[in-house]
């Protein structure tokens, strides 16, 4: 599902429990970069564990490593284009500074933003 062109519509139709069961992490940010949803899979894979993430500023409180000019530029672009969707790769996150992350970034109708995060371990398990 990660690579499907209609993933935005699918994600918006799933319940929180269904999103938690996906084979990749999922984070939804509101228009002010506050976490609206942080999947259980992402919490475990990122090393954030049981700490509550909802309501926190993603780029300041959770993942300042994502707060680069390049990534924040993509976020701004996504919010200005209603059908924005892109994929990118990033090295490292909170749990593993060497891990390769495959990120799918797309906007929603209300200027929210989904980040789907597939890690090397997810990709290996899928094959």
N, C-alpha and C. Protein backbone atom coordinates (compact mmCIF):
# COMPACT_ATOMS: atom_id res chain seq x y z
N UNK A 1 0.82 -1.20 0.00
CA UNK A 1 0.00 0.00 0.00
C UNK A 1 0.86 1.26 0.00
N UNK A 2 2.04 1.18 0.59
CA UNK A 2 2.92 2.34 0.72
C UNK A 2 3.12 3.06 -0.62
N UNK A 3 3.24 2.30 -1.71
CA UNK A 3 3.55 2.87 -3.02
C UNK A 3 2.33 3.16 -3.89
N UNK A 4 1.15 2.90 -3.39
CA UNK A 4 -0.04 3.11 -4.21
C UNK A 4 -0.27 4.59 -4.49
N UNK A 5 -0.67 4.92 -5.71
CA UNK A 5 -0.92 6.34 -6.03
C UNK A 5 -2.10 6.93 -5.25
N UNK A 6 -3.03 6.09 -4.80
CA UNK A 6 -4.20 6.57 -4.08
C UNK A 6 -4.06 6.42 -2.57
N UNK A 7 -2.83 6.37 -2.08
CA UNK A 7 -2.59 6.13 -0.65
C UNK A 7 -3.20 7.23 0.22
N UNK A 8 -3.26 8.45 -0.25
CA UNK A 8 -3.85 9.54 0.55
C UNK A 8 -5.31 9.25 0.86
N UNK A 9 -6.08 8.86 -0.15
CA UNK A 9 -7.49 8.55 0.07
C UNK A 9 -7.65 7.33 0.98
N UNK A 10 -6.79 6.36 0.81
CA UNK A 10 -6.85 5.15 1.65
C UNK A 10 -6.57 5.51 3.11
N UNK A 11 -5.53 6.28 3.34
CA UNK A 11 -5.16 6.65 4.72
C UNK A 11 -6.28 7.42 5.40
N UNK A 12 -6.92 8.32 4.68
CA UNK A 12 -7.99 9.13 5.26
C UNK A 12 -9.21 8.28 5.61
N UNK A 13 -9.37 7.13 4.95
CA UNK A 13 -10.53 6.27 5.19
C UNK A 13 -10.30 5.24 6.29
N UNK A 14 -9.05 5.01 6.67
CA UNK A 14 -8.73 4.00 7.68
C UNK A 14 -8.97 4.51 9.10
N UNK A 15 -9.31 3.60 9.98
CA UNK A 15 -9.42 3.94 11.40
C UNK A 15 -8.02 3.97 12.01
N UNK A 16 -7.90 4.53 13.18
CA UNK A 16 -6.61 4.56 13.88
C UNK A 16 -6.09 3.15 14.12
N UNK A 17 -6.96 2.24 14.51
CA UNK A 17 -6.55 0.85 14.73
C UNK A 17 -6.02 0.21 13.45
N UNK A 18 -6.66 0.49 12.33
CA UNK A 18 -6.21 -0.06 11.05
C UNK A 18 -4.85 0.53 10.66
N UNK A 19 -4.65 1.80 10.91
CA UNK A 19 -3.37 2.43 10.59
C UNK A 19 -2.27 1.83 11.46
N UNK A 20 -2.58 1.57 12.72
CA UNK A 20 -1.59 0.95 13.61
C UNK A 20 -1.14 -0.42 13.13
N UNK A 21 -1.94 -1.09 12.32
CA UNK A 21 -1.62 -2.43 11.82
C UNK A 21 -0.84 -2.41 10.51
N UNK A 22 -0.64 -1.24 9.91
CA UNK A 22 0.08 -1.17 8.64
C UNK A 22 1.55 -1.57 8.83
N UNK A 23 2.19 -2.09 7.78
CA UNK A 23 3.58 -2.54 7.88
C UNK A 23 4.61 -1.42 7.76
N UNK A 24 4.23 -0.21 8.10
CA UNK A 24 5.12 0.95 8.08
C UNK A 24 4.58 1.97 9.07
N UNK A 25 5.40 2.93 9.44
CA UNK A 25 4.99 3.97 10.37
C UNK A 25 4.14 5.03 9.69
N UNK A 26 3.31 5.71 10.47
CA UNK A 26 2.45 6.77 9.94
C UNK A 26 2.31 7.87 10.98
N UNK A 27 2.52 9.09 10.52
CA UNK A 27 2.38 10.27 11.37
C UNK A 27 1.53 11.29 10.61
N UNK A 28 0.58 11.88 11.31
CA UNK A 28 -0.22 12.95 10.70
C UNK A 28 -0.01 14.22 11.51
N UNK A 29 0.29 15.29 10.79
CA UNK A 29 0.50 16.61 11.41
C UNK A 29 -0.62 17.55 10.99
N UNK A 30 -1.04 18.40 11.90
CA UNK A 30 -2.02 19.42 11.52
C UNK A 30 -1.30 20.57 10.81
N UNK A 31 -2.04 21.60 10.45
CA UNK A 31 -1.45 22.71 9.69
C UNK A 31 -0.39 23.48 10.46
N UNK A 32 -0.33 23.29 11.79
CA UNK A 32 0.66 23.97 12.62
C UNK A 32 1.79 23.03 13.06
N UNK A 33 1.93 21.90 12.38
CA UNK A 33 2.98 20.90 12.64
C UNK A 33 2.82 20.17 13.97
N UNK A 34 1.63 20.21 14.53
CA UNK A 34 1.35 19.44 15.75
C UNK A 34 0.89 18.05 15.37
N UNK A 35 1.34 17.07 16.12
CA UNK A 35 0.99 15.69 15.83
C UNK A 35 -0.48 15.43 16.16
N UNK A 36 -1.20 14.93 15.17
CA UNK A 36 -2.59 14.55 15.32
C UNK A 36 -2.68 13.04 15.51
N UNK A 37 -1.79 12.32 14.83
CA UNK A 37 -1.77 10.86 14.93
C UNK A 37 -0.32 10.39 14.80
N UNK A 38 0.04 9.44 15.66
CA UNK A 38 1.40 8.86 15.65
C UNK A 38 1.19 7.37 15.84
N UNK A 39 1.40 6.59 14.78
CA UNK A 39 1.07 5.17 14.84
C UNK A 39 1.92 4.41 15.85
N UNK A 40 1.35 3.35 16.36
CA UNK A 40 2.07 2.51 17.31
C UNK A 40 3.32 1.92 16.67
N UNK A 41 3.22 1.53 15.41
CA UNK A 41 4.38 0.97 14.72
C UNK A 41 5.51 2.00 14.64
N UNK A 42 5.17 3.24 14.34
CA UNK A 42 6.19 4.29 14.26
C UNK A 42 6.78 4.58 15.64
N UNK A 43 5.96 4.55 16.66
CA UNK A 43 6.45 4.79 18.02
C UNK A 43 7.49 3.74 18.41
N UNK A 44 7.24 2.50 18.07
CA UNK A 44 8.18 1.42 18.39
C UNK A 44 9.43 1.52 17.51
N UNK A 45 9.24 1.65 16.19
CA UNK A 45 10.36 1.66 15.25
C UNK A 45 11.28 2.85 15.45
N UNK A 46 10.72 4.00 15.82
CA UNK A 46 11.53 5.21 15.98
C UNK A 46 12.23 5.27 17.33
N UNK A 47 11.79 4.42 18.25
CA UNK A 47 12.36 4.46 19.59
C UNK A 47 11.62 5.38 20.54
N UNK A 48 10.51 5.96 20.08
CA UNK A 48 9.75 6.87 20.94
C UNK A 48 8.93 6.11 21.97
N UNK A 49 8.64 4.86 21.68
CA UNK A 49 7.93 4.01 22.64
C UNK A 49 6.57 4.54 23.06
N UNK A 50 6.25 4.38 24.31
CA UNK A 50 4.92 4.72 24.84
C UNK A 50 4.72 6.21 25.13
N UNK A 51 5.77 7.00 24.95
CA UNK A 51 5.61 8.43 25.22
C UNK A 51 4.54 9.02 24.31
N UNK A 52 3.62 9.78 24.83
CA UNK A 52 2.57 10.39 24.04
C UNK A 52 3.12 11.45 23.11
N UNK A 53 2.72 11.39 21.85
CA UNK A 53 3.21 12.36 20.85
C UNK A 53 2.13 13.32 20.38
N UNK A 54 0.88 12.94 20.54
CA UNK A 54 -0.22 13.77 20.05
C UNK A 54 -0.20 15.13 20.74
N UNK A 55 -0.31 16.18 19.92
CA UNK A 55 -0.31 17.54 20.43
C UNK A 55 1.06 18.20 20.45
N UNK A 56 2.10 17.41 20.29
CA UNK A 56 3.46 17.97 20.33
C UNK A 56 3.85 18.51 18.96
N UNK A 57 4.71 19.52 18.94
CA UNK A 57 5.24 20.08 17.70
C UNK A 57 6.26 19.09 17.14
N UNK A 58 5.98 18.54 15.98
CA UNK A 58 6.81 17.48 15.42
C UNK A 58 8.24 17.95 15.19
N UNK A 59 8.41 19.11 14.57
CA UNK A 59 9.75 19.56 14.18
C UNK A 59 10.57 20.13 15.33
N UNK A 60 9.93 20.57 16.39
CA UNK A 60 10.66 21.12 17.54
C UNK A 60 10.84 20.09 18.65
N UNK A 61 9.78 19.34 18.95
CA UNK A 61 9.79 18.47 20.13
C UNK A 61 10.12 17.01 19.84
N UNK A 62 9.87 16.55 18.63
CA UNK A 62 10.01 15.13 18.34
C UNK A 62 11.17 14.85 17.40
N UNK A 63 11.20 15.53 16.28
CA UNK A 63 12.20 15.22 15.25
C UNK A 63 12.86 16.47 14.69
N UNK A 64 13.67 17.14 15.51
CA UNK A 64 14.36 18.32 14.98
C UNK A 64 15.30 17.98 13.82
N UNK A 65 15.68 16.70 13.69
CA UNK A 65 16.53 16.30 12.58
C UNK A 65 15.81 16.45 11.24
N UNK A 66 14.49 16.51 11.25
CA UNK A 66 13.71 16.74 10.03
C UNK A 66 13.54 18.23 9.74
N UNK A 67 13.89 19.09 10.66
CA UNK A 67 13.65 20.52 10.52
C UNK A 67 14.74 21.21 9.70
N UNK A 68 15.06 20.61 8.57
CA UNK A 68 16.05 21.21 7.65
C UNK A 68 15.30 22.13 6.69
N UNK A 69 16.03 23.06 6.08
CA UNK A 69 15.41 23.95 5.10
C UNK A 69 14.78 23.14 3.97
N UNK A 70 15.47 22.09 3.53
CA UNK A 70 14.96 21.28 2.43
C UNK A 70 13.64 20.59 2.80
N UNK A 71 13.60 19.93 3.95
CA UNK A 71 12.40 19.20 4.34
C UNK A 71 11.26 20.14 4.66
N UNK A 72 11.55 21.23 5.38
CA UNK A 72 10.50 22.20 5.70
C UNK A 72 9.96 22.86 4.43
N UNK A 73 10.82 23.00 3.42
CA UNK A 73 10.37 23.51 2.12
C UNK A 73 9.39 22.57 1.46
N UNK A 74 9.66 21.27 1.57
CA UNK A 74 8.73 20.27 1.02
C UNK A 74 7.39 20.29 1.77
N UNK A 75 7.47 20.46 3.07
CA UNK A 75 6.24 20.55 3.88
C UNK A 75 5.42 21.76 3.44
N UNK A 76 6.06 22.90 3.26
CA UNK A 76 5.35 24.11 2.82
C UNK A 76 4.75 23.89 1.43
N UNK A 77 5.50 23.24 0.55
CA UNK A 77 5.00 22.95 -0.80
C UNK A 77 3.79 22.02 -0.72
N UNK A 78 3.87 21.01 0.11
CA UNK A 78 2.76 20.07 0.26
C UNK A 78 1.51 20.78 0.74
N UNK A 79 1.66 21.70 1.64
CA UNK A 79 0.49 22.39 2.19
C UNK A 79 -0.13 23.37 1.20
N UNK A 80 0.65 23.81 0.22
CA UNK A 80 0.12 24.77 -0.75
C UNK A 80 -0.47 24.08 -1.98
N UNK A 81 -0.28 22.76 -2.10
CA UNK A 81 -0.80 22.02 -3.24
C UNK A 81 -1.72 20.91 -2.74
N UNK A 82 -3.00 20.98 -3.05
CA UNK A 82 -3.95 20.02 -2.47
C UNK A 82 -3.69 18.55 -2.82
N UNK A 83 -3.06 18.26 -3.93
CA UNK A 83 -2.80 16.88 -4.31
C UNK A 83 -1.33 16.54 -4.27
N UNK A 84 -0.58 17.21 -3.43
CA UNK A 84 0.86 17.00 -3.34
C UNK A 84 1.16 15.60 -2.79
N UNK A 85 2.12 14.95 -3.42
CA UNK A 85 2.59 13.66 -2.94
C UNK A 85 4.01 13.48 -3.45
N UNK A 86 4.87 13.05 -2.57
CA UNK A 86 6.24 12.79 -3.02
C UNK A 86 6.89 11.73 -2.14
N UNK A 87 7.96 11.17 -2.64
CA UNK A 87 8.74 10.19 -1.90
C UNK A 87 10.16 10.70 -1.78
N UNK A 88 10.79 10.40 -0.67
CA UNK A 88 12.18 10.76 -0.48
C UNK A 88 12.84 9.76 0.45
N UNK A 89 14.13 9.81 0.46
CA UNK A 89 14.91 8.93 1.34
C UNK A 89 15.72 9.79 2.29
N UNK A 90 15.86 9.33 3.50
CA UNK A 90 16.62 10.05 4.52
C UNK A 90 17.40 9.02 5.33
N UNK A 91 18.57 9.39 5.74
CA UNK A 91 19.37 8.51 6.58
C UNK A 91 19.24 8.96 8.03
N UNK A 92 18.86 8.01 8.88
CA UNK A 92 18.85 8.25 10.31
C UNK A 92 17.57 8.78 10.90
N UNK A 93 17.30 8.32 12.11
CA UNK A 93 16.21 8.86 12.91
C UNK A 93 16.58 8.70 14.37
N UNK A 94 15.63 8.90 15.24
CA UNK A 94 15.86 8.88 16.68
C UNK A 94 16.48 7.56 17.15
N UNK A 95 15.97 6.43 16.66
CA UNK A 95 16.43 5.12 17.13
C UNK A 95 17.71 4.65 16.47
N UNK A 96 17.96 5.04 15.22
CA UNK A 96 19.11 4.53 14.48
C UNK A 96 19.60 5.59 13.52
N UNK A 97 20.72 6.19 13.82
CA UNK A 97 21.25 7.28 13.00
C UNK A 97 21.76 6.81 11.65
N UNK A 98 21.88 5.49 11.46
CA UNK A 98 22.37 4.94 10.20
C UNK A 98 21.27 4.33 9.33
N UNK A 99 20.08 4.22 9.84
CA UNK A 99 18.99 3.55 9.11
C UNK A 99 18.54 4.39 7.92
N UNK A 100 18.19 3.69 6.84
CA UNK A 100 17.62 4.38 5.69
C UNK A 100 16.11 4.40 5.82
N UNK A 101 15.55 5.60 5.70
CA UNK A 101 14.11 5.78 5.79
C UNK A 101 13.56 6.13 4.41
N UNK A 102 12.51 5.46 4.01
CA UNK A 102 11.79 5.78 2.79
C UNK A 102 10.53 6.49 3.25
N UNK A 103 10.38 7.75 2.88
CA UNK A 103 9.30 8.58 3.39
C UNK A 103 8.35 8.95 2.28
N UNK A 104 7.09 8.80 2.53
CA UNK A 104 6.05 9.24 1.61
C UNK A 104 5.36 10.41 2.30
N UNK A 105 5.34 11.53 1.65
CA UNK A 105 4.80 12.78 2.22
C UNK A 105 3.63 13.23 1.34
N UNK A 106 2.46 13.46 1.94
CA UNK A 106 1.35 13.96 1.14
C UNK A 106 0.40 14.78 1.99
N UNK A 107 -0.29 15.69 1.31
CA UNK A 107 -1.19 16.62 1.98
C UNK A 107 -2.61 16.08 1.99
N UNK A 108 -3.43 16.70 2.84
CA UNK A 108 -4.85 16.39 2.90
C UNK A 108 -5.63 17.66 2.57
N UNK A 109 -6.93 17.52 2.46
CA UNK A 109 -7.78 18.65 2.10
C UNK A 109 -7.76 19.79 3.12
N UNK A 110 -7.42 19.50 4.37
CA UNK A 110 -7.45 20.52 5.43
C UNK A 110 -6.05 21.02 5.82
N UNK A 111 -5.09 20.92 4.90
CA UNK A 111 -3.70 21.35 5.09
C UNK A 111 -2.96 20.53 6.13
N UNK A 112 -3.51 19.39 6.47
CA UNK A 112 -2.76 18.46 7.31
C UNK A 112 -1.76 17.73 6.41
N UNK A 113 -0.90 16.98 7.02
CA UNK A 113 0.17 16.32 6.29
C UNK A 113 0.38 14.93 6.85
N UNK A 114 0.43 13.95 5.98
CA UNK A 114 0.78 12.58 6.37
C UNK A 114 2.22 12.31 6.02
N UNK A 115 2.92 11.64 6.90
CA UNK A 115 4.24 11.10 6.62
C UNK A 115 4.17 9.61 6.87
N UNK A 116 4.39 8.84 5.82
CA UNK A 116 4.49 7.40 5.96
C UNK A 116 5.97 7.08 5.95
N UNK A 117 6.41 6.27 6.89
CA UNK A 117 7.84 6.02 7.04
C UNK A 117 8.09 4.52 7.02
N UNK A 118 8.81 4.12 5.99
CA UNK A 118 9.19 2.72 5.83
C UNK A 118 10.69 2.62 6.09
N UNK A 119 11.07 1.74 6.97
CA UNK A 119 12.48 1.56 7.31
C UNK A 119 13.06 0.36 6.58
N UNK A 120 14.38 0.28 6.55
CA UNK A 120 15.05 -0.85 5.92
C UNK A 120 14.50 -2.17 6.42
N UNK A 121 14.29 -2.28 7.72
CA UNK A 121 13.77 -3.53 8.28
C UNK A 121 12.37 -3.85 7.76
N UNK A 122 11.54 -2.83 7.52
CA UNK A 122 10.21 -3.02 6.96
C UNK A 122 10.32 -3.54 5.52
N UNK A 123 11.26 -2.94 4.77
CA UNK A 123 11.44 -3.33 3.36
C UNK A 123 11.94 -4.78 3.26
N UNK A 124 12.83 -5.17 4.11
CA UNK A 124 13.35 -6.54 4.11
C UNK A 124 12.24 -7.52 4.47
N UNK A 125 11.46 -7.19 5.48
CA UNK A 125 10.38 -8.07 5.93
C UNK A 125 9.31 -8.24 4.85
N UNK A 126 9.11 -7.22 4.02
CA UNK A 126 8.09 -7.28 2.97
C UNK A 126 8.51 -8.16 1.80
N UNK A 127 9.80 -8.37 1.63
CA UNK A 127 10.29 -9.16 0.49
C UNK A 127 10.52 -10.60 0.83
